[in-house]
Amino acid sequence: MIKVVRGNPTPEELAAALAVVRARAAAADAAPDGGPAVPEAWADPARLAASRVPAPGPKSWGRTYWPA
């Protein structure tokens, strides 16, 4: 049920709003429910660490900011 709370829409405006609501509801019903959504590739934190960084060895603190 849709109720107009404010304003005075014309019948054309009300029909357009109702068409949008019905289209969204139909799209939501047609969407497959395959469980939780898989995150997009750009949001995957693993892409930032493409390869594992080796653990630091002895005296690695001295080579941190100095060229070899």
N, C-alpha and C. Protein backbone atom coordinates (compact mmCIF):
# COMPACT_ATOMS: atom_id res chain seq x y z
N MET A 1 0.85 -1.17 0.00
CA MET A 1 0.00 0.00 0.00
C MET A 1 0.89 1.23 0.00
N ILE A 2 0.52 2.17 -0.83
CA ILE A 2 1.26 3.42 -0.93
C ILE A 2 0.35 4.55 -0.49
N LYS A 3 0.91 5.41 0.36
CA LYS A 3 0.13 6.52 0.90
C LYS A 3 0.90 7.81 0.68
N VAL A 4 0.24 8.81 0.15
CA VAL A 4 0.85 10.12 -0.04
C VAL A 4 0.72 10.88 1.27
N VAL A 5 1.87 11.24 1.84
CA VAL A 5 1.87 11.90 3.14
C VAL A 5 1.89 13.42 2.99
N ARG A 6 2.59 13.91 1.99
CA ARG A 6 2.66 15.36 1.77
C ARG A 6 2.48 15.67 0.31
N GLY A 7 2.04 16.83 0.05
CA GLY A 7 1.89 17.29 -1.32
C GLY A 7 0.59 16.81 -1.94
N ASN A 8 0.43 17.17 -3.18
CA ASN A 8 -0.76 16.81 -3.92
C ASN A 8 -0.33 16.38 -5.32
N PRO A 9 0.12 15.13 -5.48
CA PRO A 9 0.61 14.71 -6.79
C PRO A 9 -0.52 14.58 -7.80
N THR A 10 -0.18 14.83 -9.04
CA THR A 10 -1.16 14.62 -10.11
C THR A 10 -1.28 13.12 -10.34
N PRO A 11 -2.32 12.68 -10.99
CA PRO A 11 -2.44 11.25 -11.28
C PRO A 11 -1.27 10.70 -12.09
N GLU A 12 -0.72 11.52 -12.99
CA GLU A 12 0.42 11.08 -13.79
C GLU A 12 1.66 10.89 -12.92
N GLU A 13 1.89 11.82 -11.98
CA GLU A 13 3.04 11.69 -11.08
C GLU A 13 2.90 10.47 -10.18
N LEU A 14 1.70 10.24 -9.70
CA LEU A 14 1.45 9.09 -8.84
C LEU A 14 1.64 7.79 -9.62
N ALA A 15 1.18 7.76 -10.87
CA ALA A 15 1.34 6.58 -11.71
C ALA A 15 2.82 6.32 -12.00
N ALA A 16 3.60 7.38 -12.23
CA ALA A 16 5.03 7.21 -12.49
C ALA A 16 5.74 6.67 -11.25
N ALA A 17 5.42 7.20 -10.09
CA ALA A 17 6.05 6.72 -8.86
C ALA A 17 5.67 5.27 -8.60
N LEU A 18 4.42 4.92 -8.84
CA LEU A 18 3.98 3.54 -8.64
C LEU A 18 4.66 2.59 -9.63
N ALA A 19 4.87 3.04 -10.85
CA ALA A 19 5.57 2.21 -11.85
C ALA A 19 7.00 1.93 -11.43
N VAL A 20 7.67 2.93 -10.86
CA VAL A 20 9.05 2.73 -10.39
C VAL A 20 9.09 1.74 -9.23
N VAL A 21 8.16 1.88 -8.29
CA VAL A 21 8.13 0.97 -7.15
C VAL A 21 7.84 -0.45 -7.60
N ARG A 22 6.91 -0.63 -8.53
CA ARG A 22 6.58 -1.97 -9.01
C ARG A 22 7.74 -2.58 -9.79
N ALA A 23 8.45 -1.77 -10.58
CA ALA A 23 9.60 -2.28 -11.33
C ALA A 23 10.71 -2.72 -10.40
N ARG A 24 10.96 -1.94 -9.34
CA ARG A 24 11.99 -2.33 -8.36
C ARG A 24 11.61 -3.60 -7.64
N ALA A 25 10.33 -3.75 -7.30
CA ALA A 25 9.87 -4.96 -6.61
C ALA A 25 9.99 -6.17 -7.53
N ALA A 26 9.68 -6.00 -8.81
CA ALA A 26 9.80 -7.11 -9.76
C ALA A 26 11.26 -7.50 -9.95
N ALA A 27 12.15 -6.53 -9.99
CA ALA A 27 13.57 -6.82 -10.13
C ALA A 27 14.12 -7.54 -8.91
N ALA A 28 13.64 -7.15 -7.73
CA ALA A 28 14.10 -7.81 -6.50
C ALA A 28 13.60 -9.25 -6.45
N ASP A 29 12.39 -9.50 -6.95
CA ASP A 29 11.86 -10.86 -6.96
C ASP A 29 12.59 -11.73 -7.97
N ALA A 30 13.04 -11.14 -9.07
CA ALA A 30 13.70 -11.91 -10.12
C ALA A 30 15.17 -12.18 -9.81
N ALA A 31 15.75 -11.47 -8.85
CA ALA A 31 17.17 -11.64 -8.52
C ALA A 31 17.39 -13.00 -7.87
N PRO A 32 18.41 -13.73 -8.31
CA PRO A 32 18.68 -15.04 -7.71
C PRO A 32 19.24 -14.88 -6.30
N ASP A 33 18.79 -15.75 -5.41
CA ASP A 33 19.30 -15.75 -4.04
C ASP A 33 20.33 -16.87 -3.93
N GLY A 34 21.57 -16.55 -4.22
CA GLY A 34 22.63 -17.54 -4.17
C GLY A 34 23.44 -17.48 -2.90
N GLY A 35 22.89 -16.96 -1.85
CA GLY A 35 23.64 -16.84 -0.61
C GLY A 35 24.27 -15.47 -0.51
N PRO A 36 25.31 -15.35 0.30
CA PRO A 36 25.95 -14.04 0.46
C PRO A 36 26.65 -13.62 -0.83
N ALA A 37 26.62 -12.34 -1.09
CA ALA A 37 27.23 -11.81 -2.30
C ALA A 37 28.75 -11.90 -2.22
N VAL A 38 29.37 -12.21 -3.34
CA VAL A 38 30.82 -12.26 -3.43
C VAL A 38 31.32 -10.84 -3.65
N PRO A 39 32.30 -10.39 -2.86
CA PRO A 39 32.78 -9.02 -3.04
C PRO A 39 33.44 -8.85 -4.40
N GLU A 40 33.35 -7.66 -4.92
CA GLU A 40 33.98 -7.35 -6.19
C GLU A 40 35.50 -7.44 -6.05
N ALA A 41 36.18 -7.61 -7.17
CA ALA A 41 37.63 -7.78 -7.14
C ALA A 41 38.34 -6.53 -6.61
N TRP A 42 37.81 -5.35 -6.89
CA TRP A 42 38.49 -4.14 -6.43
C TRP A 42 38.43 -4.00 -4.92
N ALA A 43 37.46 -4.65 -4.27
CA ALA A 43 37.33 -4.55 -2.83
C ALA A 43 38.06 -5.66 -2.10
N ASP A 44 38.68 -6.56 -2.82
CA ASP A 44 39.36 -7.70 -2.21
C ASP A 44 40.68 -7.25 -1.61
N PRO A 45 40.88 -7.38 -0.29
CA PRO A 45 42.14 -6.94 0.30
C PRO A 45 43.33 -7.76 -0.16
N ALA A 46 43.10 -8.96 -0.67
CA ALA A 46 44.22 -9.80 -1.10
C ALA A 46 44.91 -9.23 -2.32
N ARG A 47 44.25 -8.37 -3.08
CA ARG A 47 44.90 -7.83 -4.27
C ARG A 47 46.00 -6.84 -3.90
N LEU A 48 45.92 -6.26 -2.71
CA LEU A 48 46.96 -5.33 -2.27
C LEU A 48 48.24 -6.07 -1.90
N ALA A 49 48.11 -7.29 -1.43
CA ALA A 49 49.26 -8.10 -1.07
C ALA A 49 49.35 -9.26 -2.05
N ALA A 50 49.76 -8.96 -3.27
CA ALA A 50 49.80 -9.97 -4.32
C ALA A 50 50.77 -11.10 -3.96
N SER A 51 51.87 -10.75 -3.36
CA SER A 51 52.81 -11.78 -2.93
C SER A 51 53.14 -11.57 -1.46
N ARG A 52 53.43 -12.65 -0.80
CA ARG A 52 53.73 -12.54 0.63
C ARG A 52 55.10 -11.91 0.83
N VAL A 53 55.20 -11.05 1.79
CA VAL A 53 56.46 -10.40 2.12
C VAL A 53 57.22 -11.34 3.05
N PRO A 54 58.51 -11.59 2.75
CA PRO A 54 59.25 -12.48 3.63
C PRO A 54 59.45 -11.87 5.02
N ALA A 55 59.57 -12.71 5.99
CA ALA A 55 59.80 -12.25 7.35
C ALA A 55 61.17 -11.60 7.45
N PRO A 56 61.31 -10.55 8.24
CA PRO A 56 62.61 -9.89 8.36
C PRO A 56 63.63 -10.78 9.06
N GLY A 57 64.86 -10.66 8.63
CA GLY A 57 65.93 -11.45 9.22
C GLY A 57 66.69 -10.67 10.26
N PRO A 58 67.79 -11.24 10.74
CA PRO A 58 68.60 -10.53 11.72
C PRO A 58 69.19 -9.25 11.14
N LYS A 59 69.25 -8.24 11.92
CA LYS A 59 69.78 -6.92 11.55
C LYS A 59 69.00 -6.27 10.41
N SER A 60 67.77 -6.65 10.20
CA SER A 60 66.99 -6.05 9.12
C SER A 60 66.62 -4.60 9.42
N TRP A 61 66.61 -4.23 10.70
CA TRP A 61 66.28 -2.87 11.05
C TRP A 61 67.31 -1.91 10.48
N GLY A 62 68.54 -2.34 10.35
CA GLY A 62 69.59 -1.45 9.82
C GLY A 62 69.50 -1.26 8.32
N ARG A 63 68.81 -2.15 7.62
CA ARG A 63 68.68 -2.03 6.17
C ARG A 63 67.33 -1.48 5.77
N THR A 64 66.55 -1.02 6.72
CA THR A 64 65.19 -0.63 6.41
C THR A 64 65.12 0.54 5.46
N TYR A 65 65.83 1.63 5.73
CA TYR A 65 65.71 2.82 4.93
C TYR A 65 66.99 3.17 4.17
N TRP A 66 67.98 2.33 4.21
CA TRP A 66 69.24 2.64 3.55
C TRP A 66 69.41 1.80 2.30
N PRO A 67 69.89 2.39 1.23
CA PRO A 67 70.12 1.59 0.02
C PRO A 67 71.22 0.56 0.26
N ALA A 68 71.16 -0.50 -0.48
CA ALA A 68 72.13 -1.60 -0.30
C ALA A 68 73.50 -1.27 -0.75
